[in-house]
Each structure stands twice: as C-alpha cells, then as structure tokens.
Amino acid sequence: MDNMQYVALVTLLLVAQYFIFTMLVGAARGKSGIQAPAVTGDENFERAYRVQMNTLEQLVMTLPVLWLSGIYFDSMVAALLGLVFFVGRVLYRAAYVREPGKRGAGFGIGFLGTLGLLGTALWGVIGAL
C-alpha cells in the first residue's frame, strides 16, 4: 500500500478538474443568459454542461476503482491509469466544445483508463481473497 499518496494526488487532480469543468459551466451559463434551472437554449452552454455531466457520470465509476486498484493491485499503476483518465477528459472537453462529433478519442482514452482500473482492481481484490 506504499505510494498511495500518488493515488490521493490523482484523486485531487480529478476533483479539481471536475471543479474547473463546473466553473466553466457557470461561466457559459452567464454568457448565454440561460437562467437556472433551464439547461437548453444555447449550444455553447449545452456543450459545457454535457461535458460536466458526462465527467460526473464517469467519475462515479473511476474514483472507486482508482482506490481499489491502488490498494489491492499497485498504487503507481493505479495513479498512472488515473492520469490516463484525466488526459482523456481534457481531450474530451476540448473536442466536445469545438465539435461534439469529434469527442470520441478523448472519451476512448478516458474509458481505457477506467477499464484498466477496473481490471487491475478486480485482479487485485480476487487475488487478495
């Protein structure tokens, strides 16, 4: 369980990334003039909002397996796979706000990071049984 501070650091990085995505949604809402609770009516706002929501949907899976992989498999591998997810989200957001149809590569990279975390967590937990 040594080097878990790297898993913790990646966790904080992912939370900070989500925080920034949330702030960008707020800025897009202000710029568009769309009043809460509405979430439609301006394409740029909708894109920012979908990036935030999709990232939240992905974090629900990624964060638990990040920690399980770090504890039961290898903390450095888990941290690196968490960084893969982070980079995927950066690319996903950049593509989605420009042209939503081109978000696939970023999504795929993030998905592979999560899949790797799921596989290593499962391998580690089963091995510990």
N, C-alpha and C. Protein backbone atom coordinates (compact mmCIF):
# COMPACT_ATOMS: atom_id res chain seq x y z
N MET A 1 0.83 -1.19 0.00
CA MET A 1 0.00 0.00 0.00
C MET A 1 0.87 1.26 0.00
N ASP A 2 2.15 1.09 -0.20
CA ASP A 2 3.02 2.26 -0.26
C ASP A 2 2.72 3.05 -1.54
N ASN A 3 3.09 4.29 -1.55
CA ASN A 3 2.86 5.21 -2.66
C ASN A 3 1.40 5.57 -2.89
N MET A 4 0.56 5.33 -1.90
CA MET A 4 -0.85 5.69 -2.05
C MET A 4 -1.02 7.21 -2.14
N GLN A 5 0.02 7.96 -1.74
CA GLN A 5 -0.09 9.41 -1.87
C GLN A 5 -0.24 9.81 -3.34
N TYR A 6 0.27 8.98 -4.27
CA TYR A 6 0.09 9.27 -5.69
C TYR A 6 -1.36 9.06 -6.12
N VAL A 7 -1.98 8.05 -5.57
CA VAL A 7 -3.41 7.83 -5.83
C VAL A 7 -4.21 9.00 -5.26
N ALA A 8 -3.84 9.44 -4.07
CA ALA A 8 -4.51 10.58 -3.46
C ALA A 8 -4.31 11.84 -4.31
N LEU A 9 -3.11 12.04 -4.80
CA LEU A 9 -2.82 13.21 -5.64
C LEU A 9 -3.64 13.19 -6.93
N VAL A 10 -3.73 12.03 -7.56
CA VAL A 10 -4.52 11.91 -8.78
C VAL A 10 -6.00 12.13 -8.46
N THR A 11 -6.45 11.64 -7.32
CA THR A 11 -7.84 11.88 -6.91
C THR A 11 -8.10 13.38 -6.79
N LEU A 12 -7.20 14.09 -6.14
CA LEU A 12 -7.36 15.55 -6.02
C LEU A 12 -7.32 16.23 -7.37
N LEU A 13 -6.47 15.74 -8.26
CA LEU A 13 -6.39 16.29 -9.61
C LEU A 13 -7.72 16.10 -10.35
N LEU A 14 -8.31 14.92 -10.22
CA LEU A 14 -9.59 14.65 -10.87
C LEU A 14 -10.71 15.50 -10.29
N VAL A 15 -10.71 15.69 -8.98
CA VAL A 15 -11.72 16.54 -8.35
C VAL A 15 -11.53 18.00 -8.78
N ALA A 16 -10.28 18.44 -8.86
CA ALA A 16 -10.00 19.80 -9.31
C ALA A 16 -10.44 19.99 -10.77
N GLN A 17 -10.19 18.99 -11.59
CA GLN A 17 -10.62 19.04 -12.98
C GLN A 17 -12.14 19.18 -13.06
N TYR A 18 -12.85 18.38 -12.27
CA TYR A 18 -14.31 18.47 -12.27
C TYR A 18 -14.78 19.83 -11.76
N PHE A 19 -14.10 20.36 -10.76
CA PHE A 19 -14.42 21.68 -10.24
C PHE A 19 -14.28 22.74 -11.34
N ILE A 20 -13.20 22.65 -12.10
CA ILE A 20 -12.98 23.59 -13.20
C ILE A 20 -14.07 23.44 -14.26
N PHE A 21 -14.41 22.20 -14.60
CA PHE A 21 -15.48 21.98 -15.57
C PHE A 21 -16.79 22.60 -15.07
N THR A 22 -17.03 22.49 -13.77
CA THR A 22 -18.24 23.08 -13.17
C THR A 22 -18.21 24.60 -13.28
N MET A 23 -17.07 25.19 -13.00
CA MET A 23 -16.94 26.64 -13.11
C MET A 23 -17.13 27.11 -14.56
N LEU A 24 -16.64 26.32 -15.49
CA LEU A 24 -16.82 26.67 -16.90
C LEU A 24 -18.28 26.61 -17.32
N VAL A 25 -19.05 25.71 -16.72
CA VAL A 25 -20.49 25.66 -16.98
C VAL A 25 -21.14 26.94 -16.45
N GLY A 26 -20.75 27.35 -15.26
CA GLY A 26 -21.29 28.59 -14.70
C GLY A 26 -20.98 29.79 -15.58
N ALA A 27 -19.75 29.84 -16.08
CA ALA A 27 -19.37 30.94 -16.96
C ALA A 27 -20.17 30.90 -18.26
N ALA A 28 -20.36 29.69 -18.80
CA ALA A 28 -21.14 29.56 -20.04
C ALA A 28 -22.59 29.94 -19.81
N ARG A 29 -23.12 29.60 -18.63
CA ARG A 29 -24.50 29.98 -18.30
C ARG A 29 -24.62 31.50 -18.26
N GLY A 30 -23.68 32.16 -17.60
CA GLY A 30 -23.70 33.61 -17.52
C GLY A 30 -23.59 34.27 -18.89
N LYS A 31 -22.71 33.74 -19.72
CA LYS A 31 -22.51 34.29 -21.05
C LYS A 31 -23.73 34.10 -21.94
N SER A 32 -24.41 32.96 -21.77
CA SER A 32 -25.56 32.65 -22.62
C SER A 32 -26.84 33.35 -22.17
N GLY A 33 -26.89 33.72 -20.89
CA GLY A 33 -28.10 34.33 -20.36
C GLY A 33 -29.17 33.32 -19.99
N ILE A 34 -28.85 32.03 -20.07
CA ILE A 34 -29.83 31.00 -19.70
C ILE A 34 -29.97 30.99 -18.19
N GLN A 35 -31.19 31.14 -17.71
CA GLN A 35 -31.46 31.18 -16.28
C GLN A 35 -31.73 29.78 -15.74
N ALA A 36 -31.18 29.48 -14.57
CA ALA A 36 -31.45 28.21 -13.91
C ALA A 36 -32.94 28.12 -13.61
N PRO A 37 -33.53 26.97 -13.70
CA PRO A 37 -32.94 25.65 -13.88
C PRO A 37 -32.82 25.19 -15.34
N ALA A 38 -33.08 26.05 -16.29
CA ALA A 38 -33.00 25.65 -17.70
C ALA A 38 -31.59 25.18 -18.06
N VAL A 39 -31.52 24.17 -18.91
CA VAL A 39 -30.22 23.65 -19.37
C VAL A 39 -30.17 23.55 -20.89
N THR A 40 -31.12 24.20 -21.55
CA THR A 40 -31.12 24.20 -23.01
C THR A 40 -31.35 25.62 -23.51
N GLY A 41 -31.01 25.82 -24.77
CA GLY A 41 -31.27 27.11 -25.38
C GLY A 41 -30.05 27.78 -25.97
N ASP A 42 -28.86 27.33 -25.61
CA ASP A 42 -27.64 27.89 -26.18
C ASP A 42 -26.66 26.74 -26.37
N GLU A 43 -26.24 26.53 -27.60
CA GLU A 43 -25.41 25.38 -27.93
C GLU A 43 -24.09 25.36 -27.15
N ASN A 44 -23.45 26.49 -26.98
CA ASN A 44 -22.18 26.52 -26.25
C ASN A 44 -22.38 26.16 -24.78
N PHE A 45 -23.45 26.67 -24.17
CA PHE A 45 -23.75 26.29 -22.79
C PHE A 45 -24.05 24.80 -22.70
N GLU A 46 -24.86 24.30 -23.61
CA GLU A 46 -25.24 22.88 -23.58
C GLU A 46 -24.01 21.97 -23.71
N ARG A 47 -23.06 22.37 -24.53
CA ARG A 47 -21.83 21.57 -24.67
C ARG A 47 -21.05 21.55 -23.36
N ALA A 48 -20.86 22.71 -22.75
CA ALA A 48 -20.15 22.77 -21.47
C ALA A 48 -20.86 21.94 -20.42
N TYR A 49 -22.18 22.04 -20.40
CA TYR A 49 -22.99 21.30 -19.42
C TYR A 49 -22.86 19.79 -19.63
N ARG A 50 -22.90 19.35 -20.89
CA ARG A 50 -22.78 17.91 -21.16
C ARG A 50 -21.39 17.39 -20.78
N VAL A 51 -20.36 18.19 -20.99
CA VAL A 51 -19.01 17.78 -20.56
C VAL A 51 -19.01 17.57 -19.06
N GLN A 52 -19.58 18.51 -18.33
CA GLN A 52 -19.62 18.39 -16.87
C GLN A 52 -20.40 17.15 -16.44
N MET A 53 -21.57 16.95 -17.01
CA MET A 53 -22.41 15.82 -16.60
C MET A 53 -21.78 14.49 -16.99
N ASN A 54 -21.21 14.41 -18.19
CA ASN A 54 -20.57 13.16 -18.59
C ASN A 54 -19.37 12.86 -17.71
N THR A 55 -18.63 13.89 -17.34
CA THR A 55 -17.48 13.68 -16.45
C THR A 55 -17.94 13.18 -15.10
N LEU A 56 -19.02 13.73 -14.58
CA LEU A 56 -19.57 13.25 -13.32
C LEU A 56 -19.98 11.79 -13.43
N GLU A 57 -20.64 11.44 -14.52
CA GLU A 57 -21.05 10.04 -14.74
C GLU A 57 -19.84 9.12 -14.76
N GLN A 58 -18.74 9.56 -15.35
CA GLN A 58 -17.53 8.75 -15.43
C GLN A 58 -16.81 8.66 -14.08
N LEU A 59 -16.81 9.76 -13.33
CA LEU A 59 -16.13 9.77 -12.03
C LEU A 59 -16.76 8.81 -11.04
N VAL A 60 -18.05 8.59 -11.16
CA VAL A 60 -18.74 7.64 -10.26
C VAL A 60 -18.13 6.25 -10.39
N MET A 61 -17.67 5.90 -11.57
CA MET A 61 -17.01 4.61 -11.78
C MET A 61 -15.52 4.69 -11.51
N THR A 62 -14.90 5.76 -11.94
CA THR A 62 -13.44 5.85 -11.93
C THR A 62 -12.85 5.97 -10.54
N LEU A 63 -13.43 6.83 -9.70
CA LEU A 63 -12.83 7.05 -8.38
C LEU A 63 -12.80 5.80 -7.50
N PRO A 64 -13.88 5.03 -7.41
CA PRO A 64 -13.78 3.82 -6.57
C PRO A 64 -12.75 2.81 -7.08
N VAL A 65 -12.72 2.59 -8.40
CA VAL A 65 -11.76 1.60 -8.90
C VAL A 65 -10.33 2.13 -8.86
N LEU A 66 -10.16 3.45 -8.89
CA LEU A 66 -8.83 4.03 -8.71
C LEU A 66 -8.28 3.62 -7.35
N TRP A 67 -9.09 3.79 -6.32
CA TRP A 67 -8.64 3.46 -4.97
C TRP A 67 -8.51 1.96 -4.74
N LEU A 68 -9.44 1.19 -5.27
CA LEU A 68 -9.34 -0.27 -5.11
C LEU A 68 -8.12 -0.81 -5.83
N SER A 69 -7.84 -0.28 -7.01
CA SER A 69 -6.65 -0.70 -7.73
C SER A 69 -5.38 -0.31 -6.96
N GLY A 70 -5.38 0.89 -6.40
CA GLY A 70 -4.23 1.34 -5.63
C GLY A 70 -3.98 0.50 -4.39
N ILE A 71 -5.04 0.10 -3.74
CA ILE A 71 -4.91 -0.67 -2.51
C ILE A 71 -4.58 -2.14 -2.79
N TYR A 72 -5.28 -2.74 -3.75
CA TYR A 72 -5.18 -4.19 -3.94
C TYR A 72 -4.28 -4.62 -5.09
N PHE A 73 -3.92 -3.70 -5.98
CA PHE A 73 -3.08 -4.10 -7.12
C PHE A 73 -1.72 -3.42 -7.01
N ASP A 74 -1.62 -2.17 -7.46
CA ASP A 74 -0.36 -1.44 -7.42
C ASP A 74 -0.68 0.04 -7.47
N SER A 75 -0.23 0.77 -6.47
CA SER A 75 -0.60 2.18 -6.36
C SER A 75 -0.05 3.02 -7.52
N MET A 76 1.13 2.73 -8.00
CA MET A 76 1.68 3.51 -9.10
C MET A 76 0.95 3.23 -10.41
N VAL A 77 0.61 1.99 -10.64
CA VAL A 77 -0.18 1.64 -11.83
C VAL A 77 -1.54 2.33 -11.76
N ALA A 78 -2.15 2.30 -10.58
CA ALA A 78 -3.45 2.95 -10.41
C ALA A 78 -3.34 4.45 -10.67
N ALA A 79 -2.31 5.09 -10.12
CA ALA A 79 -2.13 6.53 -10.33
C ALA A 79 -1.92 6.84 -11.81
N LEU A 80 -1.14 6.04 -12.49
CA LEU A 80 -0.90 6.27 -13.92
C LEU A 80 -2.18 6.09 -14.74
N LEU A 81 -2.95 5.07 -14.42
CA LEU A 81 -4.23 4.86 -15.12
C LEU A 81 -5.20 5.99 -14.81
N GLY A 82 -5.14 6.51 -13.59
CA GLY A 82 -5.97 7.67 -13.25
C GLY A 82 -5.56 8.89 -14.07
N LEU A 83 -4.26 9.04 -14.32
CA LEU A 83 -3.79 10.13 -15.17
C LEU A 83 -4.23 9.94 -16.62
N VAL A 84 -4.30 8.70 -17.06
CA VAL A 84 -4.83 8.43 -18.41
C VAL A 84 -6.27 8.93 -18.50
N PHE A 85 -7.06 8.64 -17.47
CA PHE A 85 -8.44 9.13 -17.44
C PHE A 85 -8.46 10.66 -17.48
N PHE A 86 -7.60 11.29 -16.68
CA PHE A 86 -7.52 12.75 -16.63
C PHE A 86 -7.23 13.34 -18.02
N VAL A 87 -6.23 12.81 -18.68
CA VAL A 87 -5.86 13.30 -20.01
C VAL A 87 -7.01 13.08 -20.99
N GLY A 88 -7.65 11.92 -20.89
CA GLY A 88 -8.81 11.65 -21.74
C GLY A 88 -9.90 12.68 -21.56
N ARG A 89 -10.13 13.09 -20.32
CA ARG A 89 -11.17 14.10 -20.05
C ARG A 89 -10.78 15.46 -20.60
N VAL A 90 -9.49 15.80 -20.54
CA VAL A 90 -9.02 17.07 -21.12
C VAL A 90 -9.29 17.07 -22.62
N LEU A 91 -8.91 15.99 -23.28
CA LEU A 91 -9.12 15.87 -24.72
C LEU A 91 -10.60 15.83 -25.07
N TYR A 92 -11.37 15.12 -24.27
CA TYR A 92 -12.82 15.03 -24.47
C TYR A 92 -13.45 16.41 -24.43
N ARG A 93 -13.10 17.19 -23.41
CA ARG A 93 -13.69 18.53 -23.28
C ARG A 93 -13.28 19.43 -24.44
N ALA A 94 -12.00 19.40 -24.78
CA ALA A 94 -11.52 20.26 -25.87
C ALA A 94 -12.26 19.94 -27.17
N ALA A 95 -12.46 18.67 -27.45
CA ALA A 95 -13.15 18.28 -28.68
C ALA A 95 -14.64 18.60 -28.60
N TYR A 96 -15.26 18.30 -27.47
CA TYR A 96 -16.71 18.47 -27.34
C TYR A 96 -17.13 19.92 -27.50
N VAL A 97 -16.39 20.84 -26.92
CA VAL A 97 -16.80 22.25 -27.02
C VAL A 97 -16.57 22.80 -28.44
N ARG A 98 -15.65 22.20 -29.18
CA ARG A 98 -15.42 22.62 -30.57
C ARG A 98 -16.39 21.96 -31.52
N GLU A 99 -16.44 20.61 -31.45
CA GLU A 99 -17.26 19.83 -32.37
C GLU A 99 -17.64 18.51 -31.67
N PRO A 100 -18.84 18.42 -31.10
CA PRO A 100 -19.22 17.25 -30.30
C PRO A 100 -19.00 15.91 -30.99
N GLY A 101 -19.13 15.87 -32.30
CA GLY A 101 -18.94 14.62 -33.02
C GLY A 101 -17.52 14.11 -33.00
N LYS A 102 -16.58 14.94 -32.56
CA LYS A 102 -15.17 14.54 -32.54
C LYS A 102 -14.66 14.24 -31.13
N ARG A 103 -15.57 13.99 -30.21
CA ARG A 103 -15.20 13.74 -28.82
C ARG A 103 -14.75 12.31 -28.56
N GLY A 104 -14.88 11.45 -29.54
CA GLY A 104 -14.64 10.02 -29.37
C GLY A 104 -13.26 9.65 -28.86
N ALA A 105 -12.22 10.27 -29.39
CA ALA A 105 -10.86 9.91 -28.97
C ALA A 105 -10.65 10.20 -27.48
N GLY A 106 -11.06 11.38 -27.05
CA GLY A 106 -10.92 11.72 -25.63
C GLY A 106 -11.73 10.80 -24.75
N PHE A 107 -12.95 10.51 -25.18
CA PHE A 107 -13.78 9.58 -24.42
C PHE A 107 -13.12 8.21 -24.35
N GLY A 108 -12.62 7.74 -25.49
CA GLY A 108 -11.99 6.42 -25.54
C GLY A 108 -10.78 6.32 -24.63
N ILE A 109 -9.94 7.35 -24.63
CA ILE A 109 -8.76 7.34 -23.76
C ILE A 109 -9.17 7.27 -22.30
N GLY A 110 -10.12 8.11 -21.91
CA GLY A 110 -10.61 8.08 -20.53
C GLY A 110 -11.23 6.74 -20.18
N PHE A 111 -12.00 6.20 -21.12
CA PHE A 111 -12.65 4.90 -20.90
C PHE A 111 -11.61 3.80 -20.71
N LEU A 112 -10.55 3.83 -21.51
CA LEU A 112 -9.49 2.83 -21.35
C LEU A 112 -8.81 2.94 -19.99
N GLY A 113 -8.62 4.18 -19.51
CA GLY A 113 -8.07 4.35 -18.17
C GLY A 113 -8.96 3.72 -17.11
N THR A 114 -10.26 3.97 -17.22
CA THR A 114 -11.20 3.39 -16.25
C THR A 114 -11.26 1.88 -16.38
N LEU A 115 -11.27 1.39 -17.61
CA LEU A 115 -11.29 -0.06 -17.83
C LEU A 115 -10.05 -0.72 -17.23
N GLY A 116 -8.89 -0.07 -17.41
CA GLY A 116 -7.66 -0.58 -16.81
C GLY A 116 -7.74 -0.60 -15.29
N LEU A 117 -8.33 0.44 -14.72
CA LEU A 117 -8.50 0.49 -13.26
C LEU A 117 -9.45 -0.60 -12.79
N LEU A 118 -10.53 -0.81 -13.53
CA LEU A 118 -11.48 -1.86 -13.17
C LEU A 118 -10.81 -3.22 -13.22
N GLY A 119 -10.05 -3.47 -14.29
CA GLY A 119 -9.37 -4.76 -14.43
C GLY A 119 -8.33 -5.00 -13.34
N THR A 120 -7.52 -3.98 -13.05
CA THR A 120 -6.49 -4.17 -12.03
C THR A 120 -7.11 -4.26 -10.63
N ALA A 121 -8.17 -3.51 -10.39
CA ALA A 121 -8.85 -3.61 -9.09
C ALA A 121 -9.44 -5.00 -8.91
N LEU A 122 -10.10 -5.49 -9.94
CA LEU A 122 -10.69 -6.83 -9.88
C LEU A 122 -9.62 -7.88 -9.67
N TRP A 123 -8.53 -7.78 -10.42
CA TRP A 123 -7.42 -8.72 -10.30
C TRP A 123 -6.85 -8.69 -8.87
N GLY A 124 -6.65 -7.50 -8.35
CA GLY A 124 -6.08 -7.37 -7.01
C GLY A 124 -7.01 -7.87 -5.91
N VAL A 125 -8.28 -7.53 -6.00
CA VAL A 125 -9.24 -7.97 -4.98
C VAL A 125 -9.40 -9.49 -5.02
N ILE A 126 -9.54 -10.05 -6.20
CA ILE A 126 -9.67 -11.51 -6.31
C ILE A 126 -8.41 -12.19 -5.77
N GLY A 127 -7.26 -11.63 -6.09
CA GLY A 127 -6.00 -12.20 -5.59
C GLY A 127 -5.89 -12.12 -4.08
N ALA A 128 -6.54 -11.13 -3.46
CA ALA A 128 -6.48 -10.98 -2.02
C ALA A 128 -7.44 -11.92 -1.29
N LEU A 129 -8.39 -12.46 -2.01
CA LEU A 129 -9.39 -13.35 -1.37
C LEU A 129 -8.82 -14.68 -0.94
